[in-house]
Protein backbone atom coordinates (compact mmCIF):
# COMPACT_ATOMS: atom_id res chain seq x y z
CA MET A 1 15.68 -31.80 12.02
CA PRO A 2 18.24 -34.33 10.63
CA HIS A 3 16.44 -34.72 7.29
CA ARG A 4 16.69 -30.97 6.78
CA LEU A 5 20.42 -31.44 6.27
CA LEU A 6 19.70 -33.40 3.09
CA ARG A 7 18.12 -30.34 1.53
CA ARG A 8 19.76 -28.11 -1.07
CA ILE A 9 17.96 -24.78 -0.93
CA LEU A 10 18.01 -21.91 -3.39
CA VAL A 11 16.80 -18.57 -2.05
CA LEU A 12 15.92 -15.89 -4.59
CA GLY A 13 16.69 -12.77 -2.62
CA GLY A 14 17.41 -9.09 -2.58
CA THR A 15 15.18 -8.24 0.40
CA SER A 16 15.68 -7.93 4.15
CA GLU A 17 13.51 -11.05 4.53
CA ALA A 18 15.94 -13.00 2.34
CA SER A 19 18.85 -11.85 4.49
CA GLU A 20 17.01 -12.87 7.65
CA LEU A 21 16.30 -16.27 6.13
CA ALA A 22 19.95 -16.66 5.10
CA ARG A 23 21.04 -16.11 8.72
CA LEU A 24 18.49 -18.64 9.93
CA LEU A 25 19.54 -21.27 7.38
CA ALA A 26 23.20 -20.76 8.27
CA ALA A 27 22.45 -21.05 11.98
CA HIS A 28 20.82 -24.44 11.32
CA GLY A 29 23.71 -25.63 9.19
CA LEU A 30 21.60 -26.03 6.06
CA CYS A 31 23.00 -26.16 2.53
CA ALA A 32 21.66 -23.05 0.85
CA THR A 33 22.58 -20.46 -1.78
CA LEU A 34 21.26 -16.92 -1.95
CA SER A 35 20.78 -15.50 -5.45
CA TYR A 36 20.73 -11.76 -6.22
CA ALA A 37 19.40 -10.20 -9.38
CA GLY A 38 22.35 -7.80 -9.28
CA ARG A 39 20.52 -4.47 -9.08
CA THR A 40 22.19 -3.45 -5.80
CA GLU A 41 25.86 -2.66 -6.29
CA ASN A 42 27.01 -3.44 -2.75
CA PRO A 43 24.71 -6.05 -1.20
CA ARG A 44 25.21 -6.91 2.44
CA ALA A 45 27.58 -9.77 3.24
CA GLN A 46 25.72 -13.03 3.82
CA PRO A 47 26.47 -16.12 5.93
CA ILE A 48 25.67 -18.50 3.05
CA PRO A 49 27.11 -18.71 -0.49
CA THR A 50 25.74 -16.16 -2.95
CA ARG A 51 25.39 -15.80 -6.69
CA VAL A 52 24.61 -12.69 -8.71
CA GLY A 53 22.73 -12.38 -12.00
CA GLY A 54 19.79 -13.80 -13.87
CA PHE A 55 19.15 -17.38 -14.91
CA GLY A 56 17.92 -16.92 -18.46
CA GLY A 57 14.19 -17.12 -17.94
CA VAL A 58 12.08 -20.10 -16.94
CA GLU A 59 14.11 -22.70 -18.82
CA GLY A 60 17.38 -21.31 -17.48
CA LEU A 61 16.19 -21.39 -13.89
CA ALA A 62 14.77 -24.89 -14.28
CA ALA A 63 18.10 -26.04 -15.74
CA TYR A 64 19.95 -24.50 -12.78
CA LEU A 65 17.67 -26.23 -10.30
CA ARG A 66 18.36 -29.59 -11.94
CA ALA A 67 22.10 -29.04 -12.42
CA GLU A 68 22.65 -27.96 -8.82
CA GLY A 69 20.42 -30.64 -7.35
CA ILE A 70 18.19 -28.01 -5.70
CA THR A 71 15.51 -29.69 -3.61
CA HIS A 72 13.64 -26.62 -2.37
CA LEU A 73 13.16 -23.14 -3.85
CA VAL A 74 12.33 -20.06 -1.79
CA ASP A 75 11.17 -16.91 -3.56
CA ALA A 76 12.13 -14.06 -1.22
CA THR A 77 12.29 -11.41 -3.93
CA HIS A 78 10.61 -8.02 -3.74
CA PRO A 79 6.80 -8.12 -4.04
CA PHE A 80 7.13 -6.13 -7.27
CA ALA A 81 9.64 -8.51 -8.88
CA ALA A 82 6.73 -9.97 -10.82
CA THR A 83 8.70 -11.46 -13.71
CA MET A 84 11.13 -13.27 -11.41
CA SER A 85 8.34 -14.57 -9.21
CA ALA A 86 6.34 -15.82 -12.19
CA ASN A 87 9.47 -17.46 -13.61
CA ALA A 88 10.15 -19.10 -10.25
CA CYS A 89 6.66 -20.63 -10.17
CA ALA A 90 6.98 -21.97 -13.71
CA ALA A 91 10.55 -23.24 -13.28
CA ALA A 92 9.75 -24.97 -9.99
CA GLN A 93 6.88 -26.79 -11.65
CA LEU A 94 9.04 -27.68 -14.66
CA ALA A 95 11.87 -29.04 -12.49
CA GLY A 96 9.59 -30.71 -9.96
CA VAL A 97 10.97 -28.64 -7.07
CA PRO A 98 8.68 -27.43 -4.26
CA LEU A 99 8.39 -23.65 -3.96
CA VAL A 100 7.42 -21.30 -1.17
CA ALA A 101 7.30 -17.50 -1.27
CA LEU A 102 8.59 -15.59 1.74
CA THR A 103 6.79 -12.30 1.28
CA ARG A 104 5.58 -9.30 3.25
CA PRO A 105 1.90 -8.71 3.93
CA ALA A 106 0.68 -5.76 1.88
CA TRP A 107 0.10 -2.46 3.63
CA GLU A 108 -3.48 -1.41 4.30
CA ALA A 109 -4.69 2.14 4.64
CA GLN A 110 -5.20 3.28 8.23
CA GLU A 111 -7.38 6.00 9.69
CA GLY A 112 -5.91 9.34 8.72
CA ASP A 113 -4.26 8.06 5.53
CA ARG A 114 -4.91 9.93 2.29
CA TRP A 115 -4.21 7.20 -0.23
CA ARG A 116 -5.08 7.19 -3.90
CA GLU A 117 -4.61 3.59 -5.02
CA VAL A 118 -3.57 2.90 -8.62
CA ALA A 119 -2.77 -0.33 -10.42
CA THR A 120 0.38 0.55 -12.38
CA ILE A 121 3.34 2.89 -12.67
CA ALA A 122 1.67 4.46 -15.70
CA GLN A 123 -1.43 5.26 -13.65
CA ALA A 124 0.76 6.79 -10.94
CA VAL A 125 2.34 9.05 -13.56
CA GLU A 126 -1.13 10.07 -14.79
CA ALA A 127 -2.20 10.81 -11.21
CA LEU A 128 0.48 13.50 -10.99
CA ALA A 129 -1.05 15.59 -13.77
CA GLY A 130 -1.67 19.18 -12.75
CA ALA A 131 0.08 22.01 -10.99
CA PRO A 132 3.73 21.68 -9.88
CA ARG A 133 4.28 19.96 -6.56
CA ARG A 134 7.17 18.64 -4.51
CA VAL A 135 6.93 14.86 -4.84
CA PHE A 136 8.76 12.21 -2.85
CA LEU A 137 9.22 9.45 -5.41
CA ALA A 138 9.81 6.48 -3.09
CA LEU A 139 10.16 3.82 -5.78
CA GLY A 140 13.85 3.04 -6.11
CA ARG A 141 15.52 3.82 -9.43
CA GLN A 142 13.92 1.38 -11.85
CA HIS A 143 10.83 3.41 -12.71
CA VAL A 144 12.09 6.97 -12.32
CA GLU A 145 12.29 7.75 -16.04
CA ALA A 146 8.54 7.20 -16.47
CA PHE A 147 7.90 10.30 -14.35
CA ALA A 148 9.72 12.52 -16.82
CA ALA A 149 6.29 12.65 -18.49
CA GLN A 150 5.29 14.99 -15.62
CA PRO A 151 8.31 17.35 -15.65
CA GLN A 152 6.56 20.19 -13.82
CA HIS A 153 7.25 18.69 -10.40
CA ARG A 154 10.24 18.87 -8.08
CA TYR A 155 11.07 15.22 -7.32
CA VAL A 156 12.92 13.89 -4.30
CA LEU A 157 14.46 10.48 -4.99
CA ARG A 158 15.95 8.01 -2.51
CA PHE A 159 18.27 5.30 -3.87
CA VAL A 160 20.27 2.58 -2.12
CA ASP A 161 23.28 3.28 -4.38
CA ALA A 162 24.43 6.42 -6.16
CA PRO A 163 23.47 6.06 -9.85
CA GLY A 164 26.09 5.99 -12.58
CA GLU A 165 24.10 8.57 -14.52
CA ALA A 166 21.92 11.40 -13.31
CA PRO A 167 18.21 10.48 -13.18
CA ALA A 168 16.27 11.62 -16.24
CA LEU A 169 14.16 14.17 -14.38
CA PRO A 170 14.70 17.87 -15.06
CA ASP A 171 14.15 18.97 -11.45
CA HIS A 172 15.12 16.58 -8.68
CA ALA A 173 17.08 16.05 -5.48
CA LEU A 174 18.77 12.71 -4.80
CA VAL A 175 19.19 11.11 -1.37
CA VAL A 176 21.41 8.00 -1.16
CA ASP A 177 20.45 5.95 1.89
CA ARG A 178 19.71 2.39 2.90
CA GLY A 179 16.81 1.33 5.13
CA PRO A 180 15.29 0.42 7.44
CA PHE A 181 14.11 4.00 7.92
CA THR A 182 12.51 5.70 10.91
CA VAL A 183 9.34 7.76 11.10
CA ALA A 184 11.26 10.66 12.61
CA GLY A 185 13.88 10.48 9.87
CA ASP A 186 11.35 10.31 7.05
CA ARG A 187 9.28 13.10 8.54
CA ALA A 188 12.39 15.26 8.76
CA LEU A 189 13.23 14.44 5.13
CA MET A 190 9.74 15.39 3.97
CA GLU A 191 9.72 18.60 5.96
CA ALA A 192 13.20 19.59 4.78
CA HIS A 193 12.17 19.22 1.14
CA GLY A 194 8.67 20.63 1.55
CA ILE A 195 7.12 17.42 0.24
CA GLU A 196 3.47 17.74 -0.87
CA CYS A 197 2.83 14.22 -2.22
CA ILE A 198 4.39 10.74 -1.96
CA VAL A 199 4.42 8.04 -4.65
CA ALA A 200 5.05 4.54 -3.31
CA LYS A 201 4.69 0.89 -4.25
CA ASN A 202 2.78 -1.32 -1.82
CA ALA A 203 5.86 -3.28 -0.85
CA GLY A 204 4.63 -4.11 2.64
CA GLY A 205 6.85 -4.93 5.59
CA SER A 206 8.25 -2.69 8.29
CA GLY A 207 11.52 -1.52 6.71
CA ALA A 208 9.88 1.01 4.39
CA GLN A 209 6.69 1.70 6.31
CA ALA A 210 8.09 4.76 8.04
CA LYS A 211 7.33 7.03 5.08
CA LEU A 212 3.63 6.13 5.31
CA GLU A 213 3.47 6.89 9.01
CA ALA A 214 5.30 10.17 8.41
CA ALA A 215 2.88 11.03 5.59
CA ARG A 216 -0.08 10.27 7.88
CA ALA A 217 1.33 12.50 10.60
CA LEU A 218 1.88 15.33 8.12
CA GLY A 219 -1.48 14.85 6.39
CA LEU A 220 0.17 14.26 3.01
CA PRO A 221 -1.48 12.40 0.11
CA VAL A 222 0.05 9.13 -1.07
CA ILE A 223 -0.29 7.65 -4.54
CA MET A 224 -0.09 3.93 -3.73
CA ILE A 225 0.73 1.49 -6.52
CA ALA A 226 -0.88 -1.93 -6.05
CA ARG A 227 1.09 -5.16 -6.23
CA PRO A 228 1.22 -7.00 -9.55
CA ALA A 229 -0.81 -10.17 -10.00
CA LEU A 230 1.16 -13.40 -9.54
CA PRO A 231 0.45 -17.09 -10.18
CA PRO A 232 -1.05 -19.05 -7.27
CA ARG A 233 1.66 -20.20 -4.85
CA MET A 234 2.21 -21.04 -1.21
CA GLU A 235 3.19 -17.97 0.81
CA VAL A 236 4.58 -17.43 4.31
CA HIS A 237 5.42 -14.16 6.02
CA ARG A 238 8.16 -15.14 8.49
CA ALA A 239 11.60 -16.65 7.89
CA VAL A 240 11.01 -19.19 10.65
CA ASP A 241 7.97 -20.47 8.74
CA VAL A 242 10.29 -21.50 5.90
CA LEU A 243 12.02 -23.92 8.28
CA ASP A 244 8.66 -25.44 9.13
CA TRP A 245 7.90 -25.69 5.41
CA LEU A 246 11.21 -27.49 4.84
CA ASP A 247 10.10 -30.12 7.34
CA HIS A 248 6.82 -30.72 5.56
CA ALA A 249 7.31 -29.93 1.85
CA PRO A 250 7.35 -33.05 -0.35
CA PRO A 251 10.77 -34.03 -1.67
CA SER A 252 11.69 -32.89 -5.14
CA GLY A 253 12.54 -35.16 -8.03
CA ALA A 254 16.18 -34.26 -7.50
CA GLU A 255 16.04 -35.58 -3.94
CA ARG A 256 14.40 -38.84 -5.03
CA GLY A 257 16.97 -39.27 -7.77
CA VAL A 258 14.35 -39.37 -10.57
């Protein structure tokens, strides 16, 4: 335990797992900073220092790691934050800083699920070709505009924050809410809006799984977008496992003073 206190940890966050890890690091008195990309307007207060904004690509992140004397990097970003995760892998290697990813296991289809798995957002848009339906677009706000290519549908959107501008969909309803969500709540939402199809990204974890259980109970089809490919990296699925990793990860060049 004592040698943990010599660590300077950077957590790339924006997920519930990152927040859980922040609480754990604070409880153990570890020197850590939590970095947000800045997409959420009102992130939850954290028990460790935070920063908001990008780093300027691989070189920018590597420079930050060196300048701040970061000894360990934890990628606890969303499973679909592919660019940030790839940059983290490259920057960690460039700066000689050990990296671990704290990520959620992907969801797997269960008996009774009616999934159509696709590889990309574009394929999800294509899968909605056809007659008008009421679609629960459970993707956040980043990819909404792509679905304007299928304007025949009535879309139900759920965002963490109210958008500054109306979503670029001709026929939609907007729900502003923050998870974790419940099966009963998501089922009620789907029934209230007469949902006939759900589009979701395979984010994994329990906080957003309720919509899948509600869809299963209602017999609704789900267009499931697969996770993007990422460089090879060490992964753990629990915040407590990061503490174990801190005890065993080799020291970075910053910690050795080289």
